[in-house]
C-alpha atoms as a PDB file:
ATOM      1  CA  MET A   1     -65.886 125.635  44.366  1.00  0.00           C
ATOM      2  CA  THR A   2     -68.322 124.095  46.825  1.00  0.00           C
ATOM      3  CA  LEU A   3     -70.603 120.946  45.601  1.00  0.00           C
ATOM      4  CA  ALA A   4     -73.647 123.355  46.043  1.00  0.00           C
ATOM      5  CA  GLN A   5     -72.551 126.092  44.024  1.00  0.00           C
ATOM      6  CA  HIS A   6     -74.356 126.763  40.686  1.00  0.00           C
ATOM      7  CA  ARG A   7     -72.455 127.393  37.588  1.00  0.00           C
ATOM      8  CA  ILE A   8     -74.165 129.932  34.940  1.00  0.00           C
ATOM      9  CA  SER A   9     -72.964 130.725  31.636  1.00  0.00           C
ATOM     10  CA  PHE A  10     -73.512 133.848  29.793  1.00  0.00           C
ATOM     11  CA  THR A  11     -74.209 134.836  26.270  1.00  0.00           C
ATOM     12  CA  GLY A  12     -75.324 137.695  24.570  1.00  0.00           C
ATOM     13  CA  PRO A  13     -74.225 140.629  21.824  1.00  0.00           C
ATOM     14  CA  GLN A  14     -70.846 142.336  21.655  1.00  0.00           C
ATOM     15  CA  PHE A  15     -72.883 145.680  21.983  1.00  0.00           C
ATOM     16  CA  LEU A  16     -75.431 146.794  24.640  1.00  0.00           C
ATOM     17  CA  HIS A  17     -77.787 149.629  24.631  1.00  0.00           C
ATOM     18  CA  ILE A  18     -77.990 151.753  27.904  1.00  0.00           C
ATOM     19  CA  PHE A  19     -82.241 150.299  27.909  1.00  0.00           C
ATOM     20  CA  GLU A  20     -80.870 146.926  27.485  1.00  0.00           C
ATOM     21  CA  GLU A  21     -78.184 147.177  30.381  1.00  0.00           C
ATOM     22  CA  ARG A  22     -80.911 147.691  32.375  1.00  0.00           C
ATOM     23  CA  LEU A  23     -82.618 144.417  31.432  1.00  0.00           C
ATOM     24  CA  VAL A  24     -79.028 142.822  31.893  1.00  0.00           C
ATOM     25  CA  LEU A  25     -78.959 144.433  35.066  1.00  0.00           C
ATOM     26  CA  ALA A  26     -82.474 143.171  36.503  1.00  0.00           C
ATOM     27  CA  THR A  27     -81.470 139.843  35.439  1.00  0.00           C
ATOM     28  CA  LEU A  28     -78.590 139.419  37.041  1.00  0.00           C
ATOM     29  CA  ASP A  29     -80.337 140.747  40.107  1.00  0.00           C
ATOM     30  CA  THR A  30     -82.416 137.488  40.247  1.00  0.00           C
ATOM     31  CA  ILE A  31     -78.922 135.937  40.467  1.00  0.00           C
ATOM     32  CA  GLY A  32     -78.655 133.751  44.070  1.00  0.00           C
ATOM     33  CA  PRO A  33     -76.001 135.160  46.644  1.00  0.00           C
ATOM     34  CA  PRO A  34     -71.953 134.713  45.535  1.00  0.00           C
ATOM     35  CA  THR A  35     -70.944 131.295  47.676  1.00  0.00           C
ATOM     36  CA  SER A  36     -73.761 129.489  45.477  1.00  0.00           C
ATOM     37  CA  VAL A  37     -73.434 130.662  42.030  1.00  0.00           C
ATOM     38  CA  LYS A  38     -69.967 130.635  39.755  1.00  0.00           C
ATOM     39  CA  ILE A  39     -70.134 132.931  36.388  1.00  0.00           C
ATOM     40  CA  ILE A  40     -68.964 131.875  32.620  1.00  0.00           C
ATOM     41  CA  THR A  41     -68.195 134.184  30.484  1.00  0.00           C
ATOM     42  CA  GLY A  42     -66.566 134.467  27.487  1.00  0.00           C
ATOM     43  CA  GLY A  43     -63.894 137.213  27.955  1.00  0.00           C
ATOM     44  CA  CYS A  44     -65.512 139.429  24.691  1.00  0.00           C
ATOM     45  CA  VAL A  45     -66.633 143.316  24.332  1.00  0.00           C
ATOM     46  CA  GLY A  46     -70.101 143.703  25.071  1.00  0.00           C
ATOM     47  CA  LEU A  47     -72.503 141.519  27.400  1.00  0.00           C
ATOM     48  CA  ASP A  48     -69.618 139.364  28.331  1.00  0.00           C
ATOM     49  CA  ALA A  49     -67.536 142.384  29.419  1.00  0.00           C
ATOM     50  CA  PHE A  50     -70.543 144.205  31.081  1.00  0.00           C
ATOM     51  CA  VAL A  51     -71.428 140.488  33.221  1.00  0.00           C
ATOM     52  CA  ALA A  52     -68.053 139.829  34.429  1.00  0.00           C
ATOM     53  CA  SER A  53     -67.554 143.636  35.707  1.00  0.00           C
ATOM     54  CA  THR A  54     -70.719 143.726  37.377  1.00  0.00           C
ATOM     55  CA  MET A  55     -70.597 140.604  39.065  1.00  0.00           C
ATOM     56  CA  HIS A  56     -66.957 140.776  39.967  1.00  0.00           C
ATOM     57  CA  ALA A  57     -68.031 143.917  41.824  1.00  0.00           C
ATOM     58  CA  ARG A  58     -70.526 142.103  43.378  1.00  0.00           C
ATOM     59  CA  GLY A  59     -68.028 139.464  44.933  1.00  0.00           C
ATOM     60  CA  TYR A  60     -69.015 136.729  42.581  1.00  0.00           C
ATOM     61  CA  HIS A  61     -66.352 133.894  41.640  1.00  0.00           C
ATOM     62  CA  VAL A  62     -66.148 134.940  37.513  1.00  0.00           C
ATOM     63  CA  HIS A  63     -64.569 132.427  35.232  1.00  0.00           C
ATOM     64  CA  THR A  64     -63.787 133.588  31.977  1.00  0.00           C
ATOM     65  CA  VAL A  65     -63.266 131.217  28.971  1.00  0.00           C
ATOM     66  CA  LEU A  66     -61.113 133.187  26.632  1.00  0.00           C
ATOM     67  CA  PRO A  67     -60.761 132.647  22.950  1.00  0.00           C
ATOM     68  CA  ALA A  68     -57.521 131.829  21.318  1.00  0.00           C
ATOM     69  CA  LYS A  69     -58.375 134.784  18.967  1.00  0.00           C
ATOM     70  CA  LEU A  70     -58.227 137.828  20.936  1.00  0.00           C
ATOM     71  CA  THR A  71     -59.516 140.863  18.982  1.00  0.00           C
ATOM     72  CA  LYS A  72     -63.338 140.609  19.897  1.00  0.00           C
ATOM     73  CA  VAL A  73     -61.566 140.122  23.505  1.00  0.00           C
ATOM     74  CA  ASP A  74     -62.228 143.083  26.451  1.00  0.00           C
ATOM     75  CA  ARG A  75     -58.913 144.723  26.780  1.00  0.00           C
ATOM     76  CA  ASN A  76     -60.026 144.514  30.565  1.00  0.00           C
ATOM     77  CA  TRP A  77     -61.623 141.080  30.440  1.00  0.00           C
ATOM     78  CA  ALA A  78     -58.261 140.125  33.371  1.00  0.00           C
ATOM     79  CA  VAL A  79     -59.295 142.485  35.779  1.00  0.00           C
ATOM     80  CA  TYR A  80     -63.021 141.245  36.154  1.00  0.00           C
ATOM     81  CA  CYS A  81     -62.478 137.503  36.408  1.00  0.00           C
ATOM     82  CA  THR A  82     -61.311 134.939  39.101  1.00  0.00           C
ATOM     83  CA  THR A  83     -59.852 132.236  36.866  1.00  0.00           C
ATOM     84  CA  HIS A  84     -59.612 132.002  33.082  1.00  0.00           C
ATOM     85  CA  GLU A  85     -58.285 129.547  30.521  1.00  0.00           C
ATOM     86  CA  THR A  86     -57.456 129.747  27.055  1.00  0.00           C
ATOM     87  CA  CYS A  87     -59.052 127.722  24.279  1.00  0.00           C
ATOM     88  CA  PRO A  88     -57.562 126.036  21.305  1.00  0.00           C
ATOM     89  CA  ALA A  89     -57.926 127.643  18.143  1.00  0.00           C
ATOM     90  CA  GLY A  90     -59.714 126.252  15.748  1.00  0.00           C
ATOM     91  CA  ARG A  91     -59.119 125.712  11.587  1.00  0.00           C
ATOM     92  CA  SER A  92     -61.652 129.133  11.662  1.00  0.00           C
ATOM     93  CA  ASP A  93     -62.576 131.775  13.250  1.00  0.00           C
ATOM     94  CA  SER A  94     -66.336 130.014  13.356  1.00  0.00           C
ATOM     95  CA  GLU A  95     -64.292 126.638  14.930  1.00  0.00           C
ATOM     96  CA  THR A  96     -61.974 128.616  17.429  1.00  0.00           C
ATOM     97  CA  TYR A  97     -65.583 130.975  18.742  1.00  0.00           C
ATOM     98  CA  ARG A  98     -67.324 127.437  18.637  1.00  0.00           C
ATOM     99  CA  LEU A  99     -64.529 125.430  20.631  1.00  0.00           C
ATOM    100  CA  ARG A 100     -64.779 128.410  23.419  1.00  0.00           C
ATOM    101  CA  ASN A 101     -68.427 128.564  23.429  1.00  0.00           C
ATOM    102  CA  THR A 102     -68.789 124.550  23.908  1.00  0.00           C
ATOM    103  CA  ARG A 103     -66.331 124.618  25.955  1.00  0.00           C
ATOM    104  CA  MET A 104     -68.358 127.527  28.248  1.00  0.00           C
ATOM    105  CA  VAL A 105     -71.794 125.161  28.154  1.00  0.00           C
ATOM    106  CA  GLY A 106     -69.575 122.020  29.268  1.00  0.00           C
ATOM    107  CA  GLN A 107     -68.617 124.224  32.553  1.00  0.00           C
ATOM    108  CA  SER A 108     -72.150 125.283  33.317  1.00  0.00           C
ATOM    109  CA  ASP A 109     -75.223 123.883  34.762  1.00  0.00           C
ATOM    110  CA  GLN A 110     -77.179 126.326  33.125  1.00  0.00           C
ATOM    111  CA  LEU A 111     -77.270 129.497  30.099  1.00  0.00           C
ATOM    112  CA  ILE A 112     -78.456 132.671  30.493  1.00  0.00           C
ATOM    113  CA  ALA A 113     -78.894 133.944  26.642  1.00  0.00           C
ATOM    114  CA  PHE A 114     -79.750 137.261  26.074  1.00  0.00           C
ATOM    115  CA  ILE A 115     -80.609 137.682  22.168  1.00  0.00           C
ATOM    116  CA  ARG A 116     -81.865 140.445  20.152  1.00  0.00           C
ATOM    117  CA  ASN A 117     -85.205 140.257  19.412  1.00  0.00           C
ATOM    118  CA  GLY A 118     -85.477 136.300  21.089  1.00  0.00           C
ATOM    119  CA  ASN A 119     -84.685 135.444  17.180  1.00  0.00           C
ATOM    120  CA  LEU A 120     -83.307 132.091  17.283  1.00  0.00           C
ATOM    121  CA  ALA A 121     -82.846 132.093  13.145  1.00  0.00           C
ATOM    122  CA  ALA A 122     -79.874 134.627  12.966  1.00  0.00           C
ATOM    123  CA  ARG A 123     -76.427 133.356  12.603  1.00  0.00           C
ATOM    124  CA  SER A 124     -74.445 134.651  16.005  1.00  0.00           C
ATOM    125  CA  GLY A 125     -72.421 133.635  18.768  1.00  0.00           C
ATOM    126  CA  GLU A 126     -75.154 134.116  21.339  1.00  0.00           C
ATOM    127  CA  VAL A 127     -77.613 131.735  18.792  1.00  0.00           C
ATOM    128  CA  MET A 128     -74.752 129.474  18.316  1.00  0.00           C
ATOM    129  CA  THR A 129     -73.986 129.388  22.159  1.00  0.00           C
ATOM    130  CA  TYR A 130     -77.639 128.329  22.997  1.00  0.00           C
ATOM    131  CA  ASN A 131     -77.619 125.612  19.856  1.00  0.00           C
ATOM    132  CA  ILE A 132     -75.134 124.005  22.051  1.00  0.00           C
ATOM    133  CA  ALA A 133     -76.506 124.285  25.294  1.00  0.00           C
ATOM    134  CA  ARG A 134     -80.260 123.153  23.681  1.00  0.00           C
ATOM    135  CA  LYS A 135     -78.302 120.041  22.439  1.00  0.00           C
ATOM    136  CA  ALA A 136     -76.439 119.618  25.205  1.00  0.00           C
ATOM    137  CA  GLY A 137     -79.728 119.260  27.690  1.00  0.00           C
ATOM    138  CA  LYS A 138     -78.583 122.326  29.901  1.00  0.00           C
ATOM    139  CA  LEU A 139     -81.165 124.533  31.647  1.00  0.00           C
ATOM    140  CA  ILE A 140     -81.645 127.995  29.320  1.00  0.00           C
ATOM    141  CA  ASN A 141     -83.407 131.192  30.089  1.00  0.00           C
ATOM    142  CA  LEU A 142     -83.852 133.051  27.325  1.00  0.00           C
ATOM    143  CA  VAL A 143     -83.863 136.888  27.415  1.00  0.00           C
ATOM    144  CA  SER A 144     -84.849 139.190  24.716  1.00  0.00           C
ATOM    145  CA  LEU A 145     -83.422 142.545  23.513  1.00  0.00           C
END
């Protein structure tokens, strides 16, 4: 990674409809060139895998931060990343994912959060990650699906 590289992490749902994929692609099209951006994803099915596979195919460095619990991780995650790490397990599933989400946010300059209906009151991993980034003072782009 060069000093000028901007680090962007992503969060979103575990299932994307085709019309949501188009919105995600349109958002990804606005990101700078591969030489200036590092992509950080969580390795899970849905948005994580879609962003990682798309950006890896476009030549970006994709860093994957895996949760200790791999039940929701995309089976092809290793194909779509350049580098990866696995976070330690928490005392509960929620804490395990919080550790992973906190690590992703900590490594990034910016979070792009794809949240259904922009509903920040919902209980979900993407809202958890959004709140972690907000509390950390990170730049956040909220995209309503």
